[in-house]
N, C-alpha and C. Protein backbone atom coordinates (compact mmCIF):
# COMPACT_ATOMS: atom_id res chain seq x y z
N MET A 1 0.77 -1.16 -0.01
CA MET A 1 -0.02 0.00 0.00
C MET A 1 0.90 1.20 0.00
N PRO A 2 0.69 2.22 -1.02
CA PRO A 2 1.51 3.30 -1.01
C PRO A 2 1.19 4.23 0.17
N LYS A 3 2.11 5.13 0.42
CA LYS A 3 1.93 6.10 1.53
C LYS A 3 0.98 7.17 1.16
N LEU A 4 0.06 7.54 2.03
CA LEU A 4 -0.93 8.53 1.72
C LEU A 4 -0.30 9.94 1.72
N PRO A 5 -0.71 10.72 0.73
CA PRO A 5 -0.12 12.11 0.72
C PRO A 5 -0.90 13.00 1.71
N ARG A 6 -0.20 14.13 1.98
CA ARG A 6 -0.94 15.21 2.86
C ARG A 6 -1.59 16.18 1.79
N ILE A 7 -2.95 16.14 1.90
CA ILE A 7 -3.78 16.97 1.02
C ILE A 7 -4.76 17.67 1.71
N SER A 8 -5.32 18.72 1.11
CA SER A 8 -6.43 19.42 1.71
C SER A 8 -7.75 18.74 1.53
N SER A 9 -8.77 19.17 2.18
CA SER A 9 -10.10 18.58 2.00
C SER A 9 -10.68 18.89 0.57
N ARG A 10 -10.37 20.07 0.02
CA ARG A 10 -10.78 20.42 -1.30
C ARG A 10 -10.26 19.41 -2.34
N GLU A 11 -8.94 19.18 -2.17
CA GLU A 11 -8.32 18.12 -3.06
C GLU A 11 -8.92 16.82 -2.93
N ALA A 12 -9.27 16.36 -1.72
CA ALA A 12 -9.83 15.01 -1.42
C ALA A 12 -11.25 14.99 -2.12
N ILE A 13 -12.00 16.12 -1.97
CA ILE A 13 -13.35 16.15 -2.60
C ILE A 13 -13.20 16.05 -4.12
N ARG A 14 -12.29 16.80 -4.74
CA ARG A 14 -12.13 16.83 -6.09
C ARG A 14 -11.78 15.41 -6.59
N ALA A 15 -10.91 14.71 -5.88
CA ALA A 15 -10.54 13.30 -6.20
C ALA A 15 -11.71 12.41 -6.18
N LEU A 16 -12.48 12.52 -5.15
CA LEU A 16 -13.72 11.65 -4.96
C LEU A 16 -14.69 11.92 -6.14
N GLU A 17 -14.85 13.20 -6.47
CA GLU A 17 -15.71 13.61 -7.61
C GLU A 17 -15.35 12.89 -8.81
N ARG A 18 -13.99 12.85 -9.11
CA ARG A 18 -13.42 12.21 -10.28
C ARG A 18 -13.82 10.71 -10.26
N LEU A 19 -13.90 10.16 -9.10
CA LEU A 19 -14.20 8.68 -8.90
C LEU A 19 -15.74 8.45 -8.99
N GLY A 20 -16.53 9.53 -9.25
CA GLY A 20 -17.96 9.32 -9.39
C GLY A 20 -18.78 9.75 -8.33
N PHE A 21 -18.27 10.33 -7.22
CA PHE A 21 -19.06 10.83 -6.12
C PHE A 21 -19.72 12.18 -6.46
N GLU A 22 -20.90 12.51 -5.84
CA GLU A 22 -21.47 13.80 -6.01
C GLU A 22 -21.61 14.40 -4.64
N GLN A 23 -21.45 15.75 -4.57
CA GLN A 23 -21.59 16.44 -3.30
C GLN A 23 -23.16 16.56 -3.08
N VAL A 24 -23.59 16.00 -1.96
CA VAL A 24 -25.04 16.06 -1.62
C VAL A 24 -25.35 17.17 -0.84
N ARG A 25 -24.63 17.40 0.27
CA ARG A 25 -24.90 18.52 1.19
C ARG A 25 -23.75 18.91 1.95
N GLN A 26 -23.75 20.07 2.69
CA GLN A 26 -22.71 20.39 3.55
C GLN A 26 -23.40 20.93 4.91
N THR A 27 -23.01 20.23 5.93
CA THR A 27 -23.57 20.70 7.30
C THR A 27 -22.39 21.25 8.08
N GLY A 28 -22.34 22.56 8.27
CA GLY A 28 -21.24 23.17 9.04
C GLY A 28 -19.94 22.95 8.17
N SER A 29 -18.96 22.28 8.90
CA SER A 29 -17.66 22.17 8.25
C SER A 29 -17.47 20.75 7.65
N HIS A 30 -18.58 20.02 7.40
CA HIS A 30 -18.52 18.63 6.99
C HIS A 30 -19.31 18.60 5.54
N VAL A 31 -18.69 18.06 4.53
CA VAL A 31 -19.27 17.86 3.28
C VAL A 31 -19.57 16.37 3.10
N VAL A 32 -20.87 16.05 2.64
CA VAL A 32 -21.32 14.70 2.46
C VAL A 32 -21.26 14.44 0.94
N LEU A 33 -20.68 13.22 0.60
CA LEU A 33 -20.63 12.90 -0.83
C LEU A 33 -21.29 11.47 -0.97
N LYS A 34 -22.02 11.23 -2.03
CA LYS A 34 -22.55 9.95 -2.33
C LYS A 34 -22.36 9.48 -3.72
N LYS A 35 -22.49 8.15 -3.88
CA LYS A 35 -22.23 7.57 -5.18
C LYS A 35 -23.18 6.33 -5.22
N GLU A 36 -23.73 6.14 -6.39
CA GLU A 36 -24.65 4.97 -6.68
C GLU A 36 -23.80 3.95 -7.29
N THR A 37 -23.84 2.69 -6.68
CA THR A 37 -23.07 1.56 -7.18
C THR A 37 -24.06 0.35 -7.28
N GLU A 38 -23.53 -0.71 -7.84
CA GLU A 38 -24.29 -1.97 -8.00
C GLU A 38 -24.84 -2.50 -6.66
N GLU A 39 -23.97 -2.32 -5.55
CA GLU A 39 -24.35 -2.87 -4.26
C GLU A 39 -25.30 -1.89 -3.61
N GLY A 40 -25.50 -0.68 -4.13
CA GLY A 40 -26.27 0.33 -3.36
C GLY A 40 -25.55 1.67 -3.34
N LYS A 41 -26.05 2.58 -2.48
CA LYS A 41 -25.40 3.79 -2.27
C LYS A 41 -24.23 3.76 -1.39
N VAL A 42 -23.21 4.46 -1.82
CA VAL A 42 -21.96 4.63 -0.90
C VAL A 42 -21.87 6.07 -0.49
N GLY A 43 -21.64 6.35 0.65
CA GLY A 43 -21.55 7.74 1.15
C GLY A 43 -20.28 7.92 1.97
N CYS A 44 -19.80 9.12 1.98
CA CYS A 44 -18.59 9.45 2.80
C CYS A 44 -18.69 10.91 3.29
N VAL A 45 -18.08 11.16 4.38
CA VAL A 45 -18.01 12.56 5.01
C VAL A 45 -16.65 13.11 4.99
N VAL A 46 -16.44 14.26 4.49
CA VAL A 46 -15.20 14.88 4.38
C VAL A 46 -15.24 16.22 5.25
N PRO A 47 -14.44 16.37 6.35
CA PRO A 47 -14.32 17.54 7.14
C PRO A 47 -13.54 18.55 6.32
N MET A 48 -13.94 19.81 6.31
CA MET A 48 -13.19 20.85 5.62
C MET A 48 -12.09 21.46 6.47
N HIS A 49 -10.82 20.92 6.09
CA HIS A 49 -9.62 21.29 6.81
C HIS A 49 -8.55 21.69 5.78
N ARG A 50 -7.62 22.61 6.10
CA ARG A 50 -6.50 22.93 5.21
C ARG A 50 -5.68 21.72 4.87
N GLU A 51 -5.46 20.82 5.90
CA GLU A 51 -4.70 19.58 5.67
C GLU A 51 -5.27 18.52 6.39
N LEU A 52 -5.67 17.35 5.73
CA LEU A 52 -6.27 16.25 6.49
C LEU A 52 -5.16 15.36 7.15
N LYS A 53 -5.49 14.98 8.17
CA LYS A 53 -4.51 13.97 8.82
C LYS A 53 -4.57 12.69 8.12
N VAL A 54 -3.47 11.96 8.13
CA VAL A 54 -3.33 10.62 7.44
C VAL A 54 -4.47 9.62 7.89
N GLY A 55 -4.76 9.55 9.19
CA GLY A 55 -5.79 8.70 9.72
C GLY A 55 -7.12 9.07 9.29
N THR A 56 -7.47 10.42 9.14
CA THR A 56 -8.78 10.90 8.61
C THR A 56 -8.83 10.57 7.23
N LEU A 57 -7.78 10.79 6.29
CA LEU A 57 -7.88 10.52 4.94
C LEU A 57 -8.03 9.10 4.82
N SER A 58 -7.44 8.19 5.63
CA SER A 58 -7.58 6.81 5.49
C SER A 58 -9.03 6.40 5.71
N GLY A 59 -9.64 6.99 6.70
CA GLY A 59 -11.08 6.74 7.07
C GLY A 59 -11.97 7.16 5.97
N ILE A 60 -11.71 8.31 5.23
CA ILE A 60 -12.51 8.77 4.15
C ILE A 60 -12.40 7.75 3.08
N ILE A 61 -11.21 7.27 2.77
CA ILE A 61 -11.09 6.23 1.60
C ILE A 61 -11.76 5.02 1.97
N LYS A 62 -11.79 4.58 3.16
CA LYS A 62 -12.52 3.34 3.53
C LYS A 62 -14.02 3.49 3.46
N GLN A 63 -14.55 4.68 3.86
CA GLN A 63 -15.88 5.02 3.71
C GLN A 63 -16.32 4.97 2.27
N ALA A 64 -15.49 5.56 1.45
CA ALA A 64 -15.76 5.60 -0.02
C ALA A 64 -15.66 4.16 -0.82
N ARG A 65 -14.98 3.23 -0.03
CA ARG A 65 -14.87 1.96 -0.57
C ARG A 65 -14.18 1.90 -1.90
N VAL A 66 -13.01 2.68 -1.93
CA VAL A 66 -12.10 2.71 -3.01
C VAL A 66 -10.70 2.32 -2.47
N THR A 67 -9.81 1.91 -3.33
CA THR A 67 -8.39 1.46 -2.85
C THR A 67 -7.63 2.78 -2.76
N VAL A 68 -6.55 2.68 -2.04
CA VAL A 68 -5.57 3.85 -1.94
C VAL A 68 -5.06 4.18 -3.29
N GLU A 69 -4.74 3.26 -3.99
CA GLU A 69 -4.21 3.33 -5.41
C GLU A 69 -5.12 4.16 -6.27
N GLU A 70 -6.38 3.71 -6.34
CA GLU A 70 -7.39 4.44 -7.12
C GLU A 70 -7.52 5.88 -6.67
N PHE A 71 -7.52 6.08 -5.41
CA PHE A 71 -7.68 7.39 -4.79
C PHE A 71 -6.45 8.30 -5.27
N ILE A 72 -5.29 7.78 -5.19
CA ILE A 72 -3.96 8.55 -5.53
C ILE A 72 -4.01 8.80 -6.97
N GLU A 73 -4.54 7.83 -7.83
CA GLU A 73 -4.48 8.14 -9.31
C GLU A 73 -5.45 9.20 -9.58
N SER A 74 -6.63 9.32 -8.88
CA SER A 74 -7.54 10.44 -9.19
C SER A 74 -7.14 11.81 -8.69
N LEU A 75 -6.04 11.90 -8.00
CA LEU A 75 -5.66 13.28 -7.51
C LEU A 75 -5.18 14.16 -8.62
C-alpha cells in the first residue's frame, strides 16, 4: 500500500468527484458525498480542513470503498 499524501479537504473532494461521487450537502464544516453503485449507495463525509491528517484521509477512503491506489490516481 503506498503512503498517503498530505492533501487538503478540497483536493480530497475533487478526487472523490473524479471517482464518481457527487456532493449532496454540507452541514457546518463537513461535506457529504454519495455515489450510486451496484451494491447500493455509498456515502462518505469529508471535514473541511486545510490539511487532512493521514488517519482521517484513510477513514474517508475506507468509507468511499475505493483503494488507496485508485484514490491517488484520481488526485
